[in-house]
Amino acid sequence: MNLDKFKHQHTDILRSIATLRALAQAGVEANASAIAQGIVAMSGTIKLHLAVEDQVLYPALQRGGNAELARLGRQYQSEMASIASAYDAFARRWNTAEGVRRDAQGFRNEANVVLRRVFERMQREDHDFYPRIEEEEATACH
């Protein structure tokens, strides 16, 4: 399975998180519109990424011949449910400039928790999960 699209989406999401962090550090109130727009844009990428994982990646791992990867896939999918739910609530709460501006500290607090969880999860996928999948495929091809 080619994971390049997943990795590219991770890069896009990580870039969006970095942009949101920079905007918040420069001033949440002053950058509320850009922050809200960034959240809306990132949400589209995250939703697409999660849908493709659920519809393609995890089922492929379940059908594959590697029981450990199938188990890891189930574990990652299960763990992602709470992260996705937290992100969805975050995105719905902070998707307007007015909402961000109204509670700048609340935005900062929630962003620090939720976006860190998303960031850490993608790091685990990039550094642990995806390499295991690629290693298995390389072994199976040779």
Foldseek 3Di string as FASTA:
>chain_A
DDCPVLVVLLVVLVVLLVVLVVLLVVPQLVCLAVNLVSLVVNVVSVVVSLVCLVVPVLVVQCPDDDPVLNVVSVVLNVVVVVLVVLSVVLSVQRNHSVSCNVCVVVNVVSSVPNVVVVNVSVVCCVPPNVVVVVVVVVVVVD
